[in-house]
Amino acid sequence: MRVVDVDRKTLLEETFKRFDVDQNGFITLEEASSILRDEPFRFPPDKVLRLLKRFDKDGNGKLDYREFSGFYAEAKARYASRDHHDLWCHTCR
């Protein structure tokens, strides 16, 4: 594994732990909402819910670390590209 990959993984793990407020190993809807409602994202709550549902593969209403890694990467990518429309557009998928 390259140093850059290790750094990204460490950063993602730290981010997961920071938002897993109750430290139960999952990011709940409330915890995920706080991520995307605040800077730098500032996504509306209804769009956060859609994103959570999209990445909640087992449908338990929360994200484990693996689901969170996809969720957070997608949010960062969409924010960076400022392409919020595609993230939420149901007819675009």
C-alpha atoms as a PDB file:
ATOM      1  CA  MET A   1       0.000   0.000   0.000  1.00  0.00           C
ATOM      2  CA  ARG A   2       1.332   3.420  -0.919  1.00  0.00           C
ATOM      3  CA  VAL A   3       1.840   6.184   1.651  1.00  0.00           C
ATOM      4  CA  VAL A   4      -0.876   8.308   0.007  1.00  0.00           C
ATOM      5  CA  ASP A   5      -3.361   5.420   0.300  1.00  0.00           C
ATOM      6  CA  VAL A   6      -2.447   4.904   3.953  1.00  0.00           C
ATOM      7  CA  ASP A   7      -2.891   8.624   4.634  1.00  0.00           C
ATOM      8  CA  ARG A   8      -6.327   8.636   2.967  1.00  0.00           C
ATOM      9  CA  LYS A   9      -7.402   5.541   4.870  1.00  0.00           C
ATOM     10  CA  THR A  10      -6.225   7.042   8.167  1.00  0.00           C
ATOM     11  CA  LEU A  11      -8.028  10.303   7.414  1.00  0.00           C
ATOM     12  CA  LEU A  12     -11.229   8.432   6.535  1.00  0.00           C
ATOM     13  CA  GLU A  13     -11.011   6.355   9.724  1.00  0.00           C
ATOM     14  CA  GLU A  14     -10.528   9.512  11.787  1.00  0.00           C
ATOM     15  CA  THR A  15     -13.464  11.159  10.029  1.00  0.00           C
ATOM     16  CA  PHE A  16     -15.656   8.114  10.709  1.00  0.00           C
ATOM     17  CA  LYS A  17     -14.718   8.108  14.393  1.00  0.00           C
ATOM     18  CA  ARG A  18     -15.318  11.853  14.684  1.00  0.00           C
ATOM     19  CA  PHE A  19     -18.864  11.583  13.337  1.00  0.00           C
ATOM     20  CA  ASP A  20     -19.695   8.318  15.117  1.00  0.00           C
ATOM     21  CA  VAL A  21     -20.682  10.371  18.143  1.00  0.00           C
ATOM     22  CA  ASP A  22     -21.890   7.470  20.270  1.00  0.00           C
ATOM     23  CA  GLN A  23     -18.913   5.307  19.170  1.00  0.00           C
ATOM     24  CA  ASN A  24     -21.131   2.324  18.284  1.00  0.00           C
ATOM     25  CA  GLY A  25     -19.415   1.617  14.963  1.00  0.00           C
ATOM     26  CA  PHE A  26     -22.189   3.130  12.849  1.00  0.00           C
ATOM     27  CA  ILE A  27     -23.068   6.538  11.462  1.00  0.00           C
ATOM     28  CA  THR A  28     -26.765   7.136  12.109  1.00  0.00           C
ATOM     29  CA  LEU A  29     -29.072   9.348  10.080  1.00  0.00           C
ATOM     30  CA  GLU A  30     -28.611  12.098  12.643  1.00  0.00           C
ATOM     31  CA  GLU A  31     -24.829  11.771  12.564  1.00  0.00           C
ATOM     32  CA  ALA A  32     -24.752  11.679   8.742  1.00  0.00           C
ATOM     33  CA  SER A  33     -27.007  14.704   8.592  1.00  0.00           C
ATOM     34  CA  SER A  34     -24.601  16.678  10.743  1.00  0.00           C
ATOM     35  CA  ILE A  35     -21.787  15.844   8.323  1.00  0.00           C
ATOM     36  CA  LEU A  36     -23.508  17.122   5.213  1.00  0.00           C
ATOM     37  CA  ARG A  37     -25.466  20.020   6.694  1.00  0.00           C
ATOM     38  CA  ASP A  38     -22.286  21.683   7.970  1.00  0.00           C
ATOM     39  CA  GLU A  39     -19.337  23.171   6.129  1.00  0.00           C
ATOM     40  CA  PRO A  40     -18.072  22.492   3.611  1.00  0.00           C
ATOM     41  CA  PHE A  41     -21.059  20.584   2.196  1.00  0.00           C
ATOM     42  CA  ARG A  42     -24.206  22.427   3.349  1.00  0.00           C
ATOM     43  CA  PHE A  43     -26.605  19.929   1.748  1.00  0.00           C
ATOM     44  CA  PRO A  44     -30.327  20.213   2.641  1.00  0.00           C
ATOM     45  CA  PRO A  45     -31.648  17.535   5.057  1.00  0.00           C
ATOM     46  CA  ASP A  46     -33.864  15.817   2.465  1.00  0.00           C
ATOM     47  CA  LYS A  47     -30.887  15.342   0.189  1.00  0.00           C
ATOM     48  CA  VAL A  48     -28.820  13.950   3.048  1.00  0.00           C
ATOM     49  CA  LEU A  49     -31.544  11.357   3.614  1.00  0.00           C
ATOM     50  CA  ARG A  50     -31.480  10.328  -0.053  1.00  0.00           C
ATOM     51  CA  LEU A  51     -27.708   9.972   0.033  1.00  0.00           C
ATOM     52  CA  LEU A  52     -27.861   7.923   3.221  1.00  0.00           C
ATOM     53  CA  LYS A  53     -30.452   5.587   1.708  1.00  0.00           C
ATOM     54  CA  ARG A  54     -28.349   5.235  -1.423  1.00  0.00           C
ATOM     55  CA  PHE A  55     -25.315   4.001   0.517  1.00  0.00           C
ATOM     56  CA  ASP A  56     -27.110   2.096   3.282  1.00  0.00           C
ATOM     57  CA  LYS A  57     -26.684  -1.220   1.468  1.00  0.00           C
ATOM     58  CA  ASP A  58     -28.206  -3.432   4.184  1.00  0.00           C
ATOM     59  CA  GLY A  59     -31.118  -1.053   4.829  1.00  0.00           C
ATOM     60  CA  ASN A  60     -30.606  -0.806   8.586  1.00  0.00           C
ATOM     61  CA  GLY A  61     -30.829   2.998   8.641  1.00  0.00           C
ATOM     62  CA  LYS A  62     -27.191   3.565   9.475  1.00  0.00           C
ATOM     63  CA  LEU A  63     -23.797   3.326   7.804  1.00  0.00           C
ATOM     64  CA  ASP A  64     -21.024   0.989   8.857  1.00  0.00           C
ATOM     65  CA  TYR A  65     -17.443   1.954   8.033  1.00  0.00           C
ATOM     66  CA  ARG A  66     -17.530   0.393   4.563  1.00  0.00           C
ATOM     67  CA  GLU A  67     -20.835   2.059   3.650  1.00  0.00           C
ATOM     68  CA  PHE A  68     -19.589   5.340   5.116  1.00  0.00           C
ATOM     69  CA  SER A  69     -16.457   5.267   2.967  1.00  0.00           C
ATOM     70  CA  GLY A  70     -18.615   5.269  -0.182  1.00  0.00           C
ATOM     71  CA  PHE A  71     -21.026   7.834   1.262  1.00  0.00           C
ATOM     72  CA  TYR A  72     -18.269  10.261   2.228  1.00  0.00           C
ATOM     73  CA  ALA A  73     -16.281   9.807  -0.981  1.00  0.00           C
ATOM     74  CA  GLU A  74     -19.400  10.501  -3.058  1.00  0.00           C
ATOM     75  CA  ALA A  75     -20.286  13.586  -1.031  1.00  0.00           C
ATOM     76  CA  LYS A  76     -16.745  14.938  -1.346  1.00  0.00           C
ATOM     77  CA  ALA A  77     -16.626  14.242  -5.074  1.00  0.00           C
ATOM     78  CA  ARG A  78     -19.979  15.913  -5.717  1.00  0.00           C
ATOM     79  CA  TYR A  79     -19.071  18.867  -3.551  1.00  0.00           C
ATOM     80  CA  ALA A  80     -15.701  19.254  -5.284  1.00  0.00           C
ATOM     81  CA  SER A  81     -17.324  19.178  -8.715  1.00  0.00           C
ATOM     82  CA  ARG A  82     -20.220  21.353  -7.519  1.00  0.00           C
ATOM     83  CA  ASP A  83     -22.424  18.864  -9.340  1.00  0.00           C
ATOM     84  CA  HIS A  84     -25.101  18.561  -6.681  1.00  0.00           C
ATOM     85  CA  HIS A  85     -27.830  17.915  -9.263  1.00  0.00           C
ATOM     86  CA  ASP A  86     -26.557  14.470 -10.283  1.00  0.00           C
ATOM     87  CA  LEU A  87     -26.253  13.357  -6.684  1.00  0.00           C
ATOM     88  CA  TRP A  88     -29.936  13.869  -6.016  1.00  0.00           C
ATOM     89  CA  CYS A  89     -31.529  13.407  -9.405  1.00  0.00           C
ATOM     90  CA  HIS A  90     -33.596  10.218  -9.369  1.00  0.00           C
ATOM     91  CA  THR A  91     -34.168  10.263 -13.119  1.00  0.00           C
ATOM     92  CA  CYS A  92     -30.424  10.552 -13.784  1.00  0.00           C
ATOM     93  CA  ARG A  93     -29.663   7.066 -12.438  1.00  0.00           C
END
